[in-house]
C-alpha atoms as a PDB file:
ATOM      1  CA  UNK A   1    -133.437  43.887-137.782  1.00  0.00           C
ATOM      2  CA  UNK A   2    -135.038  47.362-138.038  1.00  0.00           C
ATOM      3  CA  UNK A   3    -131.691  49.224-137.864  1.00  0.00           C
ATOM      4  CA  UNK A   4    -128.929  47.878-140.099  1.00  0.00           C
ATOM      5  CA  UNK A   5    -126.238  50.215-138.757  1.00  0.00           C
ATOM      6  CA  UNK A   6    -126.929  50.950-135.065  1.00  0.00           C
ATOM      7  CA  UNK A   7    -123.532  52.630-134.449  1.00  0.00           C
ATOM      8  CA  UNK A   8    -123.986  51.673-130.784  1.00  0.00           C
ATOM      9  CA  UNK A   9    -120.322  50.899-130.080  1.00  0.00           C
ATOM     10  CA  UNK A  10    -119.032  53.986-131.894  1.00  0.00           C
ATOM     11  CA  UNK A  11    -120.325  57.032-129.997  1.00  0.00           C
ATOM     12  CA  UNK A  12    -117.283  58.921-131.289  1.00  0.00           C
ATOM     13  CA  UNK A  13    -118.610  58.456-134.842  1.00  0.00           C
ATOM     14  CA  UNK A  14    -122.333  58.853-134.154  1.00  0.00           C
ATOM     15  CA  UNK A  15    -124.151  61.246-136.502  1.00  0.00           C
ATOM     16  CA  UNK A  16    -125.116  64.605-135.044  1.00  0.00           C
ATOM     17  CA  UNK A  17    -128.758  63.870-135.820  1.00  0.00           C
ATOM     18  CA  UNK A  18    -128.783  60.566-133.958  1.00  0.00           C
ATOM     19  CA  UNK A  19    -132.541  60.133-133.588  1.00  0.00           C
ATOM     20  CA  UNK A  20    -133.471  56.504-134.131  1.00  0.00           C
ATOM     21  CA  UNK A  21    -130.168  55.062-132.968  1.00  0.00           C
ATOM     22  CA  UNK A  22    -130.132  52.976-129.755  1.00  0.00           C
ATOM     23  CA  UNK A  23    -128.550  54.905-126.901  1.00  0.00           C
ATOM     24  CA  UNK A  24    -128.811  52.312-124.124  1.00  0.00           C
ATOM     25  CA  UNK A  25    -127.705  48.693-123.957  1.00  0.00           C
ATOM     26  CA  UNK A  26    -131.324  47.678-123.431  1.00  0.00           C
ATOM     27  CA  UNK A  27    -132.340  49.487-126.633  1.00  0.00           C
ATOM     28  CA  UNK A  28    -129.472  47.907-128.535  1.00  0.00           C
ATOM     29  CA  UNK A  29    -130.234  44.359-127.397  1.00  0.00           C
ATOM     30  CA  UNK A  30    -133.901  44.858-128.245  1.00  0.00           C
ATOM     31  CA  UNK A  31    -132.876  45.014-131.908  1.00  0.00           C
ATOM     32  CA  UNK A  32    -132.195  41.277-131.746  1.00  0.00           C
ATOM     33  CA  UNK A  33    -135.106  40.174-129.588  1.00  0.00           C
ATOM     34  CA  UNK A  34    -136.880  38.426-132.462  1.00  0.00           C
ATOM     35  CA  UNK A  35    -133.955  36.055-133.048  1.00  0.00           C
ATOM     36  CA  UNK A  36    -134.385  32.425-132.034  1.00  0.00           C
ATOM     37  CA  UNK A  37    -132.206  30.676-129.474  1.00  0.00           C
ATOM     38  CA  UNK A  38    -130.243  28.836-132.182  1.00  0.00           C
ATOM     39  CA  UNK A  39    -129.693  31.867-134.391  1.00  0.00           C
ATOM     40  CA  UNK A  40    -126.561  33.944-134.678  1.00  0.00           C
ATOM     41  CA  UNK A  41    -127.125  37.691-134.544  1.00  0.00           C
ATOM     42  CA  UNK A  42    -125.052  40.524-135.891  1.00  0.00           C
ATOM     43  CA  UNK A  43    -125.133  43.973-137.418  1.00  0.00           C
ATOM     44  CA  UNK A  44    -123.248  46.032-139.990  1.00  0.00           C
ATOM     45  CA  UNK A  45    -121.889  49.367-138.787  1.00  0.00           C
ATOM     46  CA  UNK A  46    -118.926  50.452-140.965  1.00  0.00           C
ATOM     47  CA  UNK A  47    -118.206  53.148-138.391  1.00  0.00           C
ATOM     48  CA  UNK A  48    -116.830  50.491-136.034  1.00  0.00           C
ATOM     49  CA  UNK A  49    -113.696  50.188-138.154  1.00  0.00           C
ATOM     50  CA  UNK A  50    -112.843  53.883-137.902  1.00  0.00           C
ATOM     51  CA  UNK A  51    -113.959  54.277-134.292  1.00  0.00           C
ATOM     52  CA  UNK A  52    -111.220  54.491-131.658  1.00  0.00           C
ATOM     53  CA  UNK A  53    -113.445  52.856-129.008  1.00  0.00           C
ATOM     54  CA  UNK A  54    -115.627  50.320-130.814  1.00  0.00           C
ATOM     55  CA  UNK A  55    -113.206  47.374-130.717  1.00  0.00           C
ATOM     56  CA  UNK A  56    -112.649  47.528-126.961  1.00  0.00           C
ATOM     57  CA  UNK A  57    -116.335  48.176-126.263  1.00  0.00           C
ATOM     58  CA  UNK A  58    -117.440  45.167-128.333  1.00  0.00           C
ATOM     59  CA  UNK A  59    -114.841  42.941-126.666  1.00  0.00           C
ATOM     60  CA  UNK A  60    -115.943  44.068-123.206  1.00  0.00           C
ATOM     61  CA  UNK A  61    -119.568  43.153-123.910  1.00  0.00           C
ATOM     62  CA  UNK A  62    -119.017  40.054-126.033  1.00  0.00           C
ATOM     63  CA  UNK A  63    -115.432  38.706-126.030  1.00  0.00           C
ATOM     64  CA  UNK A  64    -116.472  35.808-128.287  1.00  0.00           C
ATOM     65  CA  UNK A  65    -117.783  38.097-131.035  1.00  0.00           C
ATOM     66  CA  UNK A  66    -116.715  37.462-134.620  1.00  0.00           C
ATOM     67  CA  UNK A  67    -115.454  40.499-136.508  1.00  0.00           C
ATOM     68  CA  UNK A  68    -115.551  40.844-140.291  1.00  0.00           C
ATOM     69  CA  UNK A  69    -113.817  43.711-142.076  1.00  0.00           C
ATOM     70  CA  UNK A  70    -113.797  44.207-145.846  1.00  0.00           C
ATOM     71  CA  UNK A  71    -111.130  46.484-147.300  1.00  0.00           C
ATOM     72  CA  UNK A  72    -110.982  48.119-150.728  1.00  0.00           C
ATOM     73  CA  UNK A  73    -108.170  49.708-152.725  1.00  0.00           C
ATOM     74  CA  UNK A  74    -107.890  53.219-151.216  1.00  0.00           C
ATOM     75  CA  UNK A  75    -108.297  55.384-154.333  1.00  0.00           C
ATOM     76  CA  UNK A  76    -111.306  53.452-155.626  1.00  0.00           C
ATOM     77  CA  UNK A  77    -112.833  53.380-152.156  1.00  0.00           C
ATOM     78  CA  UNK A  78    -112.495  57.127-151.603  1.00  0.00           C
ATOM     79  CA  UNK A  79    -113.991  57.885-155.001  1.00  0.00           C
ATOM     80  CA  UNK A  80    -116.956  55.626-154.214  1.00  0.00           C
ATOM     81  CA  UNK A  81    -117.282  57.125-150.725  1.00  0.00           C
ATOM     82  CA  UNK A  82    -117.316  60.634-152.155  1.00  0.00           C
ATOM     83  CA  UNK A  83    -120.048  59.754-154.674  1.00  0.00           C
ATOM     84  CA  UNK A  84    -122.100  58.153-151.914  1.00  0.00           C
ATOM     85  CA  UNK A  85    -121.586  61.134-149.611  1.00  0.00           C
ATOM     86  CA  UNK A  86    -122.818  63.516-152.307  1.00  0.00           C
ATOM     87  CA  UNK A  87    -125.807  61.249-152.940  1.00  0.00           C
ATOM     88  CA  UNK A  88    -126.625  61.083-149.227  1.00  0.00           C
ATOM     89  CA  UNK A  89    -126.320  64.854-148.825  1.00  0.00           C
ATOM     90  CA  UNK A  90    -123.370  64.473-146.446  1.00  0.00           C
ATOM     91  CA  UNK A  91    -121.096  66.169-148.995  1.00  0.00           C
ATOM     92  CA  UNK A  92    -121.923  69.159-151.215  1.00  0.00           C
ATOM     93  CA  UNK A  93    -118.613  69.456-153.068  1.00  0.00           C
ATOM     94  CA  UNK A  94    -119.069  67.367-156.226  1.00  0.00           C
ATOM     95  CA  UNK A  95    -115.408  67.569-157.285  1.00  0.00           C
ATOM     96  CA  UNK A  96    -113.380  64.874-155.526  1.00  0.00           C
ATOM     97  CA  UNK A  97    -110.081  66.772-155.640  1.00  0.00           C
ATOM     98  CA  UNK A  98    -111.697  69.864-154.100  1.00  0.00           C
ATOM     99  CA  UNK A  99    -113.443  67.752-151.459  1.00  0.00           C
ATOM    100  CA  UNK A 100    -110.119  66.195-150.465  1.00  0.00           C
ATOM    101  CA  UNK A 101    -108.499  69.630-150.291  1.00  0.00           C
ATOM    102  CA  UNK A 102    -111.150  70.708-147.761  1.00  0.00           C
ATOM    103  CA  UNK A 103    -110.116  68.040-145.268  1.00  0.00           C
ATOM    104  CA  UNK A 104    -107.661  70.227-143.317  1.00  0.00           C
ATOM    105  CA  UNK A 105    -110.252  72.976-142.939  1.00  0.00           C
ATOM    106  CA  UNK A 106    -112.918  70.487-141.920  1.00  0.00           C
ATOM    107  CA  UNK A 107    -110.699  69.136-139.164  1.00  0.00           C
ATOM    108  CA  UNK A 108    -111.073  72.589-137.643  1.00  0.00           C
ATOM    109  CA  UNK A 109    -114.856  72.458-137.971  1.00  0.00           C
ATOM    110  CA  UNK A 110    -114.985  74.698-141.033  1.00  0.00           C
ATOM    111  CA  UNK A 111    -116.452  74.176-144.533  1.00  0.00           C
ATOM    112  CA  UNK A 112    -118.995  71.661-143.219  1.00  0.00           C
ATOM    113  CA  UNK A 113    -122.110  71.361-145.407  1.00  0.00           C
ATOM    114  CA  UNK A 114    -125.118  72.892-143.686  1.00  0.00           C
ATOM    115  CA  UNK A 115    -127.213  69.737-143.480  1.00  0.00           C
ATOM    116  CA  UNK A 116    -124.394  67.220-143.075  1.00  0.00           C
ATOM    117  CA  UNK A 117    -125.238  64.980-140.130  1.00  0.00           C
ATOM    118  CA  UNK A 118    -121.903  63.143-140.360  1.00  0.00           C
ATOM    119  CA  UNK A 119    -119.131  65.729-140.815  1.00  0.00           C
ATOM    120  CA  UNK A 120    -116.542  63.259-139.505  1.00  0.00           C
ATOM    121  CA  UNK A 121    -117.169  61.164-142.622  1.00  0.00           C
ATOM    122  CA  UNK A 122    -115.718  63.997-144.713  1.00  0.00           C
ATOM    123  CA  UNK A 123    -112.221  63.373-143.338  1.00  0.00           C
ATOM    124  CA  UNK A 124    -111.583  61.065-146.254  1.00  0.00           C
ATOM    125  CA  UNK A 125    -108.014  60.019-145.459  1.00  0.00           C
ATOM    126  CA  UNK A 126    -109.097  58.635-142.079  1.00  0.00           C
ATOM    127  CA  UNK A 127    -111.159  55.959-143.823  1.00  0.00           C
ATOM    128  CA  UNK A 128    -108.146  54.181-145.280  1.00  0.00           C
ATOM    129  CA  UNK A 129    -105.878  53.946-142.232  1.00  0.00           C
ATOM    130  CA  UNK A 130    -106.395  50.209-142.510  1.00  0.00           C
ATOM    131  CA  UNK A 131    -103.518  48.890-140.396  1.00  0.00           C
ATOM    132  CA  UNK A 132    -104.294  51.252-137.521  1.00  0.00           C
ATOM    133  CA  UNK A 133    -107.945  50.208-137.661  1.00  0.00           C
ATOM    134  CA  UNK A 134    -107.241  46.471-137.755  1.00  0.00           C
ATOM    135  CA  UNK A 135    -104.726  46.621-134.920  1.00  0.00           C
ATOM    136  CA  UNK A 136    -107.435  47.782-132.536  1.00  0.00           C
ATOM    137  CA  UNK A 137    -109.373  44.564-133.188  1.00  0.00           C
ATOM    138  CA  UNK A 138    -106.446  42.159-133.161  1.00  0.00           C
ATOM    139  CA  UNK A 139    -105.416  43.718-129.833  1.00  0.00           C
ATOM    140  CA  UNK A 140    -108.623  42.599-128.098  1.00  0.00           C
ATOM    141  CA  UNK A 141    -109.790  39.549-130.105  1.00  0.00           C
ATOM    142  CA  UNK A 142    -107.987  36.298-130.934  1.00  0.00           C
ATOM    143  CA  UNK A 143    -106.882  36.217-134.579  1.00  0.00           C
ATOM    144  CA  UNK A 144    -109.295  33.404-135.401  1.00  0.00           C
ATOM    145  CA  UNK A 145    -112.167  35.722-134.456  1.00  0.00           C
ATOM    146  CA  UNK A 146    -111.233  38.408-136.993  1.00  0.00           C
ATOM    147  CA  UNK A 147    -111.806  37.886-140.712  1.00  0.00           C
ATOM    148  CA  UNK A 148    -110.299  40.425-143.101  1.00  0.00           C
ATOM    149  CA  UNK A 149    -111.704  40.306-146.622  1.00  0.00           C
ATOM    150  CA  UNK A 150    -110.473  42.111-149.724  1.00  0.00           C
ATOM    151  CA  UNK A 151    -113.172  43.785-151.789  1.00  0.00           C
ATOM    152  CA  UNK A 152    -111.691  42.653-155.092  1.00  0.00           C
ATOM    153  CA  UNK A 153    -111.974  39.021-153.956  1.00  0.00           C
ATOM    154  CA  UNK A 154    -115.589  39.650-153.051  1.00  0.00           C
ATOM    155  CA  UNK A 155    -116.308  41.153-156.465  1.00  0.00           C
ATOM    156  CA  UNK A 156    -114.307  38.554-158.326  1.00  0.00           C
ATOM    157  CA  UNK A 157    -115.951  35.513-156.721  1.00  0.00           C
ATOM    158  CA  UNK A 158    -118.874  36.665-154.640  1.00  0.00           C
ATOM    159  CA  UNK A 159    -120.191  33.210-153.856  1.00  0.00           C
ATOM    160  CA  UNK A 160    -116.845  31.835-152.688  1.00  0.00           C
ATOM    161  CA  UNK A 161    -116.339  34.833-150.412  1.00  0.00           C
ATOM    162  CA  UNK A 162    -119.802  34.471-148.894  1.00  0.00           C
ATOM    163  CA  UNK A 163    -119.151  30.785-148.219  1.00  0.00           C
ATOM    164  CA  UNK A 164    -115.865  31.744-146.566  1.00  0.00           C
ATOM    165  CA  UNK A 165    -117.814  34.058-144.263  1.00  0.00           C
ATOM    166  CA  UNK A 166    -120.288  31.292-143.442  1.00  0.00           C
ATOM    167  CA  UNK A 167    -117.450  28.932-142.515  1.00  0.00           C
ATOM    168  CA  UNK A 168    -115.885  31.657-140.395  1.00  0.00           C
ATOM    169  CA  UNK A 169    -119.191  31.974-138.534  1.00  0.00           C
ATOM    170  CA  UNK A 170    -119.336  28.180-138.212  1.00  0.00           C
ATOM    171  CA  UNK A 171    -122.681  27.859-139.970  1.00  0.00           C
ATOM    172  CA  UNK A 172    -123.762  25.723-142.924  1.00  0.00           C
ATOM    173  CA  UNK A 173    -122.013  26.929-146.071  1.00  0.00           C
ATOM    174  CA  UNK A 174    -123.659  24.473-148.498  1.00  0.00           C
ATOM    175  CA  UNK A 175    -126.981  26.258-149.055  1.00  0.00           C
ATOM    176  CA  UNK A 176    -127.621  27.908-152.460  1.00  0.00           C
ATOM    177  CA  UNK A 177    -126.548  31.553-152.644  1.00  0.00           C
ATOM    178  CA  UNK A 178    -128.276  34.113-154.851  1.00  0.00           C
ATOM    179  CA  UNK A 179    -125.864  36.717-156.158  1.00  0.00           C
ATOM    180  CA  UNK A 180    -127.387  40.186-156.582  1.00  0.00           C
ATOM    181  CA  UNK A 181    -126.083  43.696-157.254  1.00  0.00           C
ATOM    182  CA  UNK A 182    -126.669  45.777-154.114  1.00  0.00           C
ATOM    183  CA  UNK A 183    -125.942  49.471-153.479  1.00  0.00           C
ATOM    184  CA  UNK A 184    -124.586  50.304-156.959  1.00  0.00           C
ATOM    185  CA  UNK A 185    -122.403  53.390-157.155  1.00  0.00           C
ATOM    186  CA  UNK A 186    -124.266  56.366-158.608  1.00  0.00           C
ATOM    187  CA  UNK A 187    -123.706  60.084-159.018  1.00  0.00           C
ATOM    188  CA  UNK A 188    -126.110  62.903-158.215  1.00  0.00           C
ATOM    189  CA  UNK A 189    -127.100  64.672-161.436  1.00  0.00           C
ATOM    190  CA  UNK A 190    -128.062  67.955-159.748  1.00  0.00           C
ATOM    191  CA  UNK A 191    -127.338  68.680-156.071  1.00  0.00           C
ATOM    192  CA  UNK A 192    -129.825  71.581-156.182  1.00  0.00           C
ATOM    193  CA  UNK A 193    -132.639  69.384-157.482  1.00  0.00           C
ATOM    194  CA  UNK A 194    -131.681  66.609-155.082  1.00  0.00           C
ATOM    195  CA  UNK A 195    -131.793  69.065-152.177  1.00  0.00           C
ATOM    196  CA  UNK A 196    -135.256  70.235-153.260  1.00  0.00           C
ATOM    197  CA  UNK A 197    -136.674  66.706-153.554  1.00  0.00           C
ATOM    198  CA  UNK A 198    -135.033  65.591-150.323  1.00  0.00           C
ATOM    199  CA  UNK A 199    -136.366  68.651-148.489  1.00  0.00           C
ATOM    200  CA  UNK A 200    -139.871  67.982-149.760  1.00  0.00           C
ATOM    201  CA  UNK A 201    -139.666  64.285-148.890  1.00  0.00           C
ATOM    202  CA  UNK A 202    -138.398  64.996-145.365  1.00  0.00           C
ATOM    203  CA  UNK A 203    -140.707  67.965-144.833  1.00  0.00           C
ATOM    204  CA  UNK A 204    -138.043  70.556-144.024  1.00  0.00           C
ATOM    205  CA  UNK A 205    -139.146  74.173-144.048  1.00  0.00           C
ATOM    206  CA  UNK A 206    -142.622  75.676-143.813  1.00  0.00           C
ATOM    207  CA  UNK A 207    -143.342  75.476-147.547  1.00  0.00           C
ATOM    208  CA  UNK A 208    -142.151  71.886-147.900  1.00  0.00           C
ATOM    209  CA  UNK A 209    -144.110  70.791-144.812  1.00  0.00           C
ATOM    210  CA  UNK A 210    -147.257  72.355-146.234  1.00  0.00           C
ATOM    211  CA  UNK A 211    -146.692  70.721-149.616  1.00  0.00           C
ATOM    212  CA  UNK A 212    -145.962  67.385-148.013  1.00  0.00           C
ATOM    213  CA  UNK A 213    -149.175  67.578-145.969  1.00  0.00           C
ATOM    214  CA  UNK A 214    -151.168  68.257-149.113  1.00  0.00           C
ATOM    215  CA  UNK A 215    -149.532  65.366-150.955  1.00  0.00           C
ATOM    216  CA  UNK A 216    -150.258  63.041-148.033  1.00  0.00           C
ATOM    217  CA  UNK A 217    -153.880  64.072-148.055  1.00  0.00           C
ATOM    218  CA  UNK A 218    -154.301  63.440-151.786  1.00  0.00           C
ATOM    219  CA  UNK A 219    -152.179  60.333-152.476  1.00  0.00           C
ATOM    220  CA  UNK A 220    -151.815  56.902-150.838  1.00  0.00           C
ATOM    221  CA  UNK A 221    -148.523  56.015-149.160  1.00  0.00           C
ATOM    222  CA  UNK A 222    -147.503  53.370-151.722  1.00  0.00           C
ATOM    223  CA  UNK A 223    -147.975  55.824-154.578  1.00  0.00           C
ATOM    224  CA  UNK A 224    -145.984  58.518-152.753  1.00  0.00           C
ATOM    225  CA  UNK A 225    -143.108  56.105-152.158  1.00  0.00           C
ATOM    226  CA  UNK A 226    -143.163  54.814-155.737  1.00  0.00           C
ATOM    227  CA  UNK A 227    -143.115  58.378-157.065  1.00  0.00           C
ATOM    228  CA  UNK A 228    -140.200  59.311-154.820  1.00  0.00           C
ATOM    229  CA  UNK A 229    -138.198  56.296-156.007  1.00  0.00           C
ATOM    230  CA  UNK A 230    -139.015  57.072-159.642  1.00  0.00           C
ATOM    231  CA  UNK A 231    -137.907  60.703-159.298  1.00  0.00           C
ATOM    232  CA  UNK A 232    -134.642  59.637-157.707  1.00  0.00           C
ATOM    233  CA  UNK A 233    -133.972  56.994-160.324  1.00  0.00           C
ATOM    234  CA  UNK A 234    -134.786  59.060-163.410  1.00  0.00           C
ATOM    235  CA  UNK A 235    -133.988  62.648-162.491  1.00  0.00           C
ATOM    236  CA  UNK A 236    -131.500  62.691-159.623  1.00  0.00           C
ATOM    237  CA  UNK A 237    -129.135  59.768-160.052  1.00  0.00           C
ATOM    238  CA  UNK A 238    -127.078  58.669-163.023  1.00  0.00           C
ATOM    239  CA  UNK A 239    -124.190  56.379-163.750  1.00  0.00           C
ATOM    240  CA  UNK A 240    -120.922  57.774-162.380  1.00  0.00           C
ATOM    241  CA  UNK A 241    -118.622  59.477-164.837  1.00  0.00           C
ATOM    242  CA  UNK A 242    -115.255  57.836-165.515  1.00  0.00           C
ATOM    243  CA  UNK A 243    -112.778  58.605-162.729  1.00  0.00           C
ATOM    244  CA  UNK A 244    -110.332  61.470-163.141  1.00  0.00           C
ATOM    245  CA  UNK A 245    -107.146  59.478-163.651  1.00  0.00           C
ATOM    246  CA  UNK A 246    -104.940  62.351-162.452  1.00  0.00           C
ATOM    247  CA  UNK A 247    -106.815  62.446-159.151  1.00  0.00           C
ATOM    248  CA  UNK A 248    -106.708  58.661-158.836  1.00  0.00           C
ATOM    249  CA  UNK A 249    -102.946  58.685-159.414  1.00  0.00           C
ATOM    250  CA  UNK A 250    -102.525  61.398-156.772  1.00  0.00           C
ATOM    251  CA  UNK A 251    -104.470  59.265-154.304  1.00  0.00           C
ATOM    252  CA  UNK A 252    -102.437  56.151-155.075  1.00  0.00           C
ATOM    253  CA  UNK A 253     -99.216  58.046-154.529  1.00  0.00           C
ATOM    254  CA  UNK A 254    -100.559  59.490-151.303  1.00  0.00           C
ATOM    255  CA  UNK A 255    -101.653  56.150-149.881  1.00  0.00           C
ATOM    256  CA  UNK A 256     -99.008  53.784-151.238  1.00  0.00           C
ATOM    257  CA  UNK A 257     -97.380  53.690-147.807  1.00  0.00           C
ATOM    258  CA  UNK A 258    -100.676  52.493-146.314  1.00  0.00           C
ATOM    259  CA  UNK A 259    -100.942  49.747-148.928  1.00  0.00           C
ATOM    260  CA  UNK A 260     -97.362  48.584-148.331  1.00  0.00           C
ATOM    261  CA  UNK A 261     -97.972  48.515-144.566  1.00  0.00           C
ATOM    262  CA  UNK A 262    -101.225  46.598-145.004  1.00  0.00           C
ATOM    263  CA  UNK A 263     -99.537  44.061-147.284  1.00  0.00           C
ATOM    264  CA  UNK A 264     -96.942  43.413-144.600  1.00  0.00           C
ATOM    265  CA  UNK A 265     -99.522  43.307-141.825  1.00  0.00           C
ATOM    266  CA  UNK A 266    -101.757  40.784-143.597  1.00  0.00           C
ATOM    267  CA  UNK A 267     -98.849  38.951-145.255  1.00  0.00           C
ATOM    268  CA  UNK A 268    -100.479  39.372-148.654  1.00  0.00           C
ATOM    269  CA  UNK A 269     -99.225  41.203-151.736  1.00  0.00           C
ATOM    270  CA  UNK A 270    -101.843  43.924-152.066  1.00  0.00           C
ATOM    271  CA  UNK A 271     -99.280  46.208-153.703  1.00  0.00           C
ATOM    272  CA  UNK A 272     -99.471  44.100-156.873  1.00  0.00           C
ATOM    273  CA  UNK A 273    -103.156  43.235-156.550  1.00  0.00           C
ATOM    274  CA  UNK A 274    -104.113  46.898-156.307  1.00  0.00           C
ATOM    275  CA  UNK A 275    -101.647  48.088-158.945  1.00  0.00           C
ATOM    276  CA  UNK A 276     -99.300  50.032-156.677  1.00  0.00           C
ATOM    277  CA  UNK A 277     -96.102  48.323-157.785  1.00  0.00           C
ATOM    278  CA  UNK A 278     -95.547  50.950-160.528  1.00  0.00           C
ATOM    279  CA  UNK A 279     -96.450  53.910-158.318  1.00  0.00           C
ATOM    280  CA  UNK A 280     -93.387  56.006-157.456  1.00  0.00           C
END
């Protein structure tokens, strides 16, 4: 499928720069037109979990849809989300504590990074309102059509979790499964350098457009792409620093109530699994 995250059922979460996203049902369905009659089709838009309208919109179009949600311990998830947001140029504040402190201002439309196409993603606490998010789906789908996975289970036994998903989708779960590391967490070494390279690659600004035109004229596409990947890998991205344990503790205290509520909602002891039993 050419678009992994179409965001079609979440217009309330759609990026401001929404070019390339399907905006009609015909456009959306065309994403799956190459699928055979016996194939299952699906897509992966994380925004559907946070959206206030996605669950009901999906159910209205396809009441037999199967929904899969994967949830991660809140503090670890928000740290990873922040690193990804900085990498993707959605966030410019590299310090997680400071980024979290900006949330109230950003709710008012202030302190939004200039080139951030998804300012709603910077409301970090909204991402971990897990019970509220799940209730929207269980309200419109039968429970056997909603599969809730825990990230730590996925990391701990990737193959078993994938086979569980296959059984949930009622497809063959006996085929060999290759386990790979996808989308590793990274940090941006220098936001200024990253902004420069990104601007050049996208052709923003008169100077960058002129430079990009010259590069296109002198180098083949494969070489340009390989060079861009190499620059990102060697100069822009590095392994994330160890988490600030004080910030992580603050987050766990802040979201313990959410974890307790989720444990009760799913009838599973996530308080112990996620290490919240000693959090005051």
